[in-house]
């Protein structure tokens, strides 16, 4: 009975986090003065890092190489600040998941942006507990008005939440 109670609390905690993030984003977009909305696609290379226990030798870092592809929407708030939610499909060998970061995007220099925010993740086959919240930190450089190169680091907050490094290109449609 104790395990069931713990699992229910974990599920409720994660749903509460999802509701809070959704309401915050909805309120921010509804009450802010969105000046411009851009849509785009992105994709590239993903390196995911796992800590694997190796018998009596302790933790051993292991990495897997994969790909990601998806879409984004960029809601411009002012000249330097925007909100950019994304939905990415990530594949690493037999390991598949959806990654949905919600970024606060800030232009720190001409053509150079920094983005930070929570990352909502749904793992299809790997974990028993399939929904995880992670943190993302990203940087992007505008090569042309429509094309950018980006890199992001995703940090897992739980023991079984792998960290990832993404390198890719984005195309504004």
Protein backbone atom coordinates (compact mmCIF):
# COMPACT_ATOMS: atom_id res chain seq x y z
CA UNK A 1 0.00 0.00 0.00
CA UNK A 2 2.89 2.38 0.78
CA UNK A 3 4.38 2.01 -2.71
CA UNK A 4 1.01 2.77 -4.33
CA UNK A 5 0.65 5.91 -2.19
CA UNK A 6 4.16 7.04 -3.20
CA UNK A 7 3.41 6.46 -6.91
CA UNK A 8 0.15 8.43 -6.69
CA UNK A 9 1.99 11.34 -5.03
CA UNK A 10 4.65 11.30 -7.78
CA UNK A 11 2.01 11.32 -10.54
CA UNK A 12 0.08 14.14 -8.85
CA UNK A 13 3.28 16.15 -8.36
CA UNK A 14 4.19 15.86 -12.05
CA UNK A 15 0.68 16.76 -13.18
CA UNK A 16 0.73 19.79 -10.90
CA UNK A 17 4.03 20.93 -12.42
CA UNK A 18 2.59 20.50 -15.93
CA UNK A 19 -0.54 22.50 -14.99
CA UNK A 20 1.55 25.30 -13.44
CA UNK A 21 3.84 25.54 -16.48
CA UNK A 22 0.85 25.50 -18.86
CA UNK A 23 -1.05 28.18 -16.91
CA UNK A 24 2.06 30.36 -16.62
CA UNK A 25 2.73 30.17 -20.34
CA UNK A 26 -0.93 30.78 -21.20
CA UNK A 27 -1.13 33.82 -18.90
CA UNK A 28 2.15 35.20 -20.16
CA UNK A 29 1.01 34.95 -23.77
CA UNK A 30 -2.52 36.18 -23.08
CA UNK A 31 -1.56 39.24 -21.07
CA UNK A 32 1.65 40.22 -22.79
CA UNK A 33 1.66 42.22 -25.96
CA UNK A 34 2.94 39.75 -28.50
CA UNK A 35 4.33 41.82 -31.37
CA UNK A 36 5.18 39.08 -33.84
CA UNK A 37 4.85 35.29 -34.13
CA UNK A 38 7.29 33.17 -36.14
CA UNK A 39 7.11 29.46 -36.92
CA UNK A 40 9.97 27.18 -37.83
CA UNK A 41 11.51 23.74 -37.95
CA UNK A 42 14.75 22.49 -36.45
CA UNK A 43 16.82 19.38 -36.24
CA UNK A 44 20.28 17.99 -35.76
CA UNK A 45 22.58 15.75 -33.73
CA UNK A 46 21.90 14.67 -30.14
CA UNK A 47 24.47 13.31 -27.67
CA UNK A 48 22.86 11.84 -24.56
CA UNK A 49 24.87 11.00 -21.45
CA UNK A 50 23.87 8.22 -19.06
CA UNK A 51 25.38 7.19 -15.75
CA UNK A 52 25.47 3.39 -15.67
CA UNK A 53 26.40 1.37 -12.58
CA UNK A 54 29.13 -1.15 -13.42
CA UNK A 55 29.09 -3.89 -10.75
CA UNK A 56 31.54 -2.92 -7.98
CA UNK A 57 33.29 -0.25 -10.06
CA UNK A 58 30.71 2.50 -9.40
CA UNK A 59 29.12 4.89 -11.88
CA UNK A 60 30.39 4.93 -15.44
CA UNK A 61 29.41 7.67 -17.87
CA UNK A 62 28.19 6.42 -21.24
CA UNK A 63 26.94 8.38 -24.23
CA UNK A 64 24.68 7.60 -27.16
CA UNK A 65 24.48 9.53 -30.43
CA UNK A 66 21.15 10.19 -32.11
CA UNK A 67 19.08 12.77 -33.91
CA UNK A 68 16.24 15.18 -33.24
CA UNK A 69 13.70 17.02 -35.38
CA UNK A 70 10.71 19.17 -34.65
CA UNK A 71 9.02 22.53 -34.76
CA UNK A 72 8.98 25.76 -32.79
CA UNK A 73 6.89 28.91 -32.37
CA UNK A 74 8.55 32.20 -31.41
CA UNK A 75 6.32 34.80 -29.69
CA UNK A 76 8.14 38.14 -29.75
CA UNK A 77 7.42 40.20 -26.62
CA UNK A 78 9.73 43.11 -27.40
CA UNK A 79 12.84 43.80 -29.46
CA UNK A 80 15.07 41.61 -27.27
CA UNK A 81 12.76 39.13 -25.51
CA UNK A 82 10.52 36.33 -26.78
CA UNK A 83 8.95 33.09 -25.60
CA UNK A 84 9.80 30.05 -27.72
CA UNK A 85 8.07 26.72 -27.05
CA UNK A 86 9.28 23.75 -29.09
CA UNK A 87 8.25 20.15 -29.72
CA UNK A 88 11.09 17.82 -30.71
CA UNK A 89 11.18 14.10 -31.46
CA UNK A 90 14.45 12.57 -30.26
CA UNK A 91 15.81 9.18 -31.36
CA UNK A 92 18.80 7.33 -29.89
CA UNK A 93 19.06 3.77 -31.22
CA UNK A 94 15.94 2.10 -29.75
CA UNK A 95 15.40 4.93 -27.26
CA UNK A 96 12.71 7.48 -28.29
CA UNK A 97 11.15 10.48 -26.55
CA UNK A 98 9.41 13.82 -27.01
CA UNK A 99 11.22 16.92 -25.74
CA UNK A 100 9.13 20.08 -25.24
CA UNK A 101 11.20 22.98 -23.91
CA UNK A 102 9.55 26.32 -23.13
CA UNK A 103 12.25 28.97 -23.50
CA UNK A 104 12.58 32.54 -22.42
CA UNK A 105 14.71 33.80 -25.34
CA UNK A 106 16.86 36.90 -24.98
CA UNK A 107 18.99 38.58 -27.65
CA UNK A 108 22.30 39.31 -25.88
CA UNK A 109 24.13 40.59 -28.98
CA UNK A 110 23.39 41.19 -32.64
CA UNK A 111 22.24 37.82 -34.10
CA UNK A 112 23.09 35.94 -30.86
CA UNK A 113 20.39 34.62 -28.49
CA UNK A 114 20.45 32.82 -25.15
CA UNK A 115 17.49 30.67 -24.12
CA UNK A 116 16.63 29.08 -20.80
CA UNK A 117 13.61 27.24 -19.50
CA UNK A 118 12.00 24.03 -18.36
CA UNK A 119 11.90 21.03 -20.63
CA UNK A 120 8.93 18.66 -20.48
CA UNK A 121 9.81 15.16 -21.67
CA UNK A 122 7.81 12.04 -22.46
CA UNK A 123 9.85 8.84 -22.80
CA UNK A 124 8.19 6.15 -24.93
CA UNK A 125 10.02 2.93 -24.04
CA UNK A 126 12.87 3.48 -21.64
CA UNK A 127 11.48 4.41 -18.22
CA UNK A 128 8.62 3.11 -16.11
CA UNK A 129 7.96 6.70 -15.06
CA UNK A 130 7.63 8.15 -18.56
CA UNK A 131 7.18 11.89 -17.80
CA UNK A 132 10.19 13.91 -16.64
CA UNK A 133 10.92 17.61 -16.20
CA UNK A 134 14.42 18.77 -17.05
CA UNK A 135 16.13 22.13 -17.47
CA UNK A 136 17.46 23.53 -20.77
CA UNK A 137 20.09 26.12 -21.56
CA UNK A 138 20.56 27.03 -25.22
CA UNK A 139 22.39 29.46 -27.49
CA UNK A 140 21.58 30.32 -31.11
CA UNK A 141 23.30 32.37 -33.79
CA UNK A 142 21.30 33.80 -36.74
CA UNK A 143 23.31 32.93 -39.87
CA UNK A 144 20.67 34.54 -42.12
CA UNK A 145 17.26 36.04 -41.24
CA UNK A 146 15.72 32.57 -41.76
CA UNK A 147 18.54 30.18 -40.71
CA UNK A 148 20.15 29.71 -37.29
CA UNK A 149 22.69 27.37 -35.76
CA UNK A 150 22.02 26.34 -32.17
CA UNK A 151 23.40 24.31 -29.31
CA UNK A 152 21.58 23.31 -26.15
CA UNK A 153 22.31 21.40 -22.98
CA UNK A 154 19.53 19.54 -21.21
CA UNK A 155 20.02 18.68 -17.55
CA UNK A 156 18.08 15.84 -15.92
CA UNK A 157 17.10 16.50 -12.30
CA UNK A 158 16.42 12.88 -11.37
CA UNK A 159 18.79 9.92 -11.12
CA UNK A 160 17.26 8.27 -14.20
CA UNK A 161 16.97 11.39 -16.35
CA UNK A 162 19.83 11.51 -18.86
CA UNK A 163 21.58 14.76 -19.80
CA UNK A 164 21.82 15.74 -23.44
CA UNK A 165 23.79 17.97 -25.77
CA UNK A 166 22.08 19.08 -29.00
CA UNK A 167 23.74 20.62 -32.08
CA UNK A 168 21.56 21.70 -34.97
CA UNK A 169 20.02 24.11 -37.42
CA UNK A 170 16.69 25.93 -37.33
CA UNK A 171 14.77 27.29 -40.30
CA UNK A 172 12.15 30.04 -39.90
CA UNK A 173 9.19 29.38 -42.21
